[in-house]
């Protein structure tokens, strides 16, 4: 069994942005000889998220609208208030939205390929950009 670790960097250009990471993760898999196992992808930031879904523009627009409805901008959050928090970015909205999706995904690897459905992709959500972000990939298997 092998355990391989790589770092991915993502540079975002917008405050909120979805990035399809499927090809980048497949490229990590191709660089190594793991045929069967698991790949774990983890974002190292509390204002970003990772999830699996269809990478389709209308759906991603719907997700942005859903997030805006569930977690409104500047809605009196304690994290933005200097009386309660030392954060000067006023990014409570990004933190709260990130919790809706989570910060990691685990996928199977079978016969050297990611186990994804026909329309599934790995989506990185930037919620407090633009920024440079770091993700860790762990590949485990034989």
Protein backbone atom coordinates (compact mmCIF):
# COMPACT_ATOMS: atom_id res chain seq x y z
CA UNK A 1 0.00 0.00 0.00
CA UNK A 2 1.21 3.51 -0.86
CA UNK A 3 0.35 6.79 0.79
CA UNK A 4 1.11 9.82 -1.39
CA UNK A 5 0.59 13.46 -0.52
CA UNK A 6 0.52 16.44 -2.87
CA UNK A 7 -0.42 20.09 -2.52
CA UNK A 8 -2.67 21.88 -4.99
CA UNK A 9 -2.84 25.65 -5.28
CA UNK A 10 -5.88 27.51 -6.55
CA UNK A 11 -5.85 31.23 -7.32
CA UNK A 12 -9.33 32.71 -7.38
CA UNK A 13 -10.39 35.94 -9.03
CA UNK A 14 -13.79 36.64 -7.45
CA UNK A 15 -15.27 37.02 -3.98
CA UNK A 16 -17.40 33.91 -4.60
CA UNK A 17 -16.25 31.49 -7.22
CA UNK A 18 -16.66 27.81 -8.04
CA UNK A 19 -13.66 25.99 -9.52
CA UNK A 20 -13.81 22.54 -11.11
CA UNK A 21 -10.87 20.58 -9.65
CA UNK A 22 -11.67 17.26 -11.30
CA UNK A 23 -8.90 17.43 -13.90
CA UNK A 24 -6.29 18.54 -11.35
CA UNK A 25 -7.13 15.62 -9.06
CA UNK A 26 -7.10 13.21 -12.01
CA UNK A 27 -3.65 14.58 -12.93
CA UNK A 28 -2.39 13.77 -9.41
CA UNK A 29 -3.71 10.26 -9.82
CA UNK A 30 -1.98 9.85 -13.20
CA UNK A 31 1.40 10.86 -11.73
CA UNK A 32 1.33 7.87 -9.40
CA UNK A 33 0.86 4.15 -9.81
CA UNK A 34 -2.15 3.69 -7.53
CA UNK A 35 -4.71 1.51 -9.30
CA UNK A 36 -7.19 0.93 -6.49
CA UNK A 37 -7.67 2.94 -3.32
CA UNK A 38 -8.95 6.24 -2.02
CA UNK A 39 -8.16 9.88 -2.73
CA UNK A 40 -8.86 12.44 -0.03
CA UNK A 41 -8.97 16.13 -0.92
CA UNK A 42 -8.96 18.68 1.90
CA UNK A 43 -9.08 22.47 1.75
CA UNK A 44 -6.88 24.15 4.35
CA UNK A 45 -9.08 27.25 4.71
CA UNK A 46 -12.18 27.97 6.77
CA UNK A 47 -13.77 30.20 4.15
CA UNK A 48 -13.69 27.67 1.31
CA UNK A 49 -15.52 24.41 0.71
CA UNK A 50 -15.34 21.23 -1.36
CA UNK A 51 -18.18 19.12 -2.68
CA UNK A 52 -19.25 16.78 -5.46
CA UNK A 53 -21.93 17.84 -7.90
CA UNK A 54 -22.59 18.61 -11.54
CA UNK A 55 -20.29 21.34 -12.86
CA UNK A 56 -22.97 23.12 -14.85
CA UNK A 57 -23.24 26.95 -14.95
CA UNK A 58 -26.98 27.16 -14.21
CA UNK A 59 -26.66 24.81 -11.23
CA UNK A 60 -23.67 26.75 -9.87
CA UNK A 61 -25.68 29.99 -10.19
CA UNK A 62 -28.51 28.30 -8.29
CA UNK A 63 -26.05 27.30 -5.55
CA UNK A 64 -24.88 30.92 -5.21
CA UNK A 65 -28.51 32.04 -4.91
CA UNK A 66 -29.23 29.35 -2.33
CA UNK A 67 -26.24 30.39 -0.24
CA UNK A 68 -27.36 34.03 -0.40
CA UNK A 69 -30.82 33.05 0.86
CA UNK A 70 -29.57 30.78 3.65
CA UNK A 71 -26.74 33.03 4.89
CA UNK A 72 -27.40 36.69 4.18
CA UNK A 73 -24.58 39.22 3.83
CA UNK A 74 -23.78 41.33 6.90
CA UNK A 75 -26.68 40.14 9.03
CA UNK A 76 -25.31 41.22 12.42
CA UNK A 77 -22.89 38.30 12.81
CA UNK A 78 -20.75 38.30 15.96
CA UNK A 79 -17.67 37.32 13.95
CA UNK A 80 -17.84 40.69 12.16
CA UNK A 81 -18.27 42.70 15.37
CA UNK A 82 -15.03 43.94 17.01
CA UNK A 83 -16.74 43.66 20.41
CA UNK A 84 -16.80 39.86 19.98
CA UNK A 85 -14.13 39.00 17.41
CA UNK A 86 -10.61 40.01 16.42
CA UNK A 87 -11.26 39.31 12.72
CA UNK A 88 -10.97 42.44 10.60
CA UNK A 89 -12.05 40.84 7.30
CA UNK A 90 -15.77 40.90 8.17
CA UNK A 91 -16.10 37.49 6.55
CA UNK A 92 -18.59 35.74 8.81
CA UNK A 93 -20.79 35.10 5.79
CA UNK A 94 -17.99 33.12 4.11
CA UNK A 95 -17.34 31.03 7.23
CA UNK A 96 -21.02 30.22 7.67
CA UNK A 97 -21.51 29.34 4.00
CA UNK A 98 -18.46 27.08 4.07
CA UNK A 99 -20.04 25.00 6.82
CA UNK A 100 -22.98 24.22 4.51
CA UNK A 101 -20.71 22.21 2.19
CA UNK A 102 -17.78 20.97 4.28
CA UNK A 103 -14.04 21.07 3.69
CA UNK A 104 -13.14 17.67 2.25
CA UNK A 105 -14.17 14.96 -0.16
CA UNK A 106 -13.12 11.33 -0.35
CA UNK A 107 -13.41 9.38 -3.58
CA UNK A 108 -12.69 5.84 -4.57
CA UNK A 109 -10.03 4.95 -7.10
CA UNK A 110 -10.71 1.91 -9.28
CA UNK A 111 -8.46 0.68 -12.06
CA UNK A 112 -6.50 3.94 -11.92
CA UNK A 113 -9.55 6.21 -12.33
CA UNK A 114 -11.58 8.36 -9.95
CA UNK A 115 -14.93 6.80 -9.12
CA UNK A 116 -17.34 9.53 -10.18
CA UNK A 117 -20.76 9.42 -11.78
CA UNK A 118 -21.28 10.57 -15.36
CA UNK A 119 -22.07 14.17 -14.43
CA UNK A 120 -20.16 14.45 -11.15
CA UNK A 121 -17.20 16.73 -10.65
CA UNK A 122 -15.10 17.94 -7.73
CA UNK A 123 -16.04 21.54 -6.98
CA UNK A 124 -13.97 23.98 -4.90
CA UNK A 125 -15.97 26.91 -3.53
CA UNK A 126 -14.16 30.18 -2.86
CA UNK A 127 -16.28 32.20 -0.46
CA UNK A 128 -13.91 35.01 0.62
CA UNK A 129 -11.77 35.80 -2.41
CA UNK A 130 -10.00 36.64 -4.45
CA UNK A 131 -7.10 34.77 -2.86
CA UNK A 132 -4.52 32.04 -3.32
CA UNK A 133 -5.70 28.84 -1.67
CA UNK A 134 -4.02 25.57 -0.70
CA UNK A 135 -5.51 22.09 -0.83
CA UNK A 136 -3.96 18.81 0.24
CA UNK A 137 -4.44 15.60 -1.71
CA UNK A 138 -3.76 12.24 -0.08
CA UNK A 139 -3.78 9.19 -2.28
CA UNK A 140 -3.88 5.80 -0.57
CA UNK A 141 -3.90 2.45 -2.25
CA UNK A 142 -2.05 -0.12 -4.28
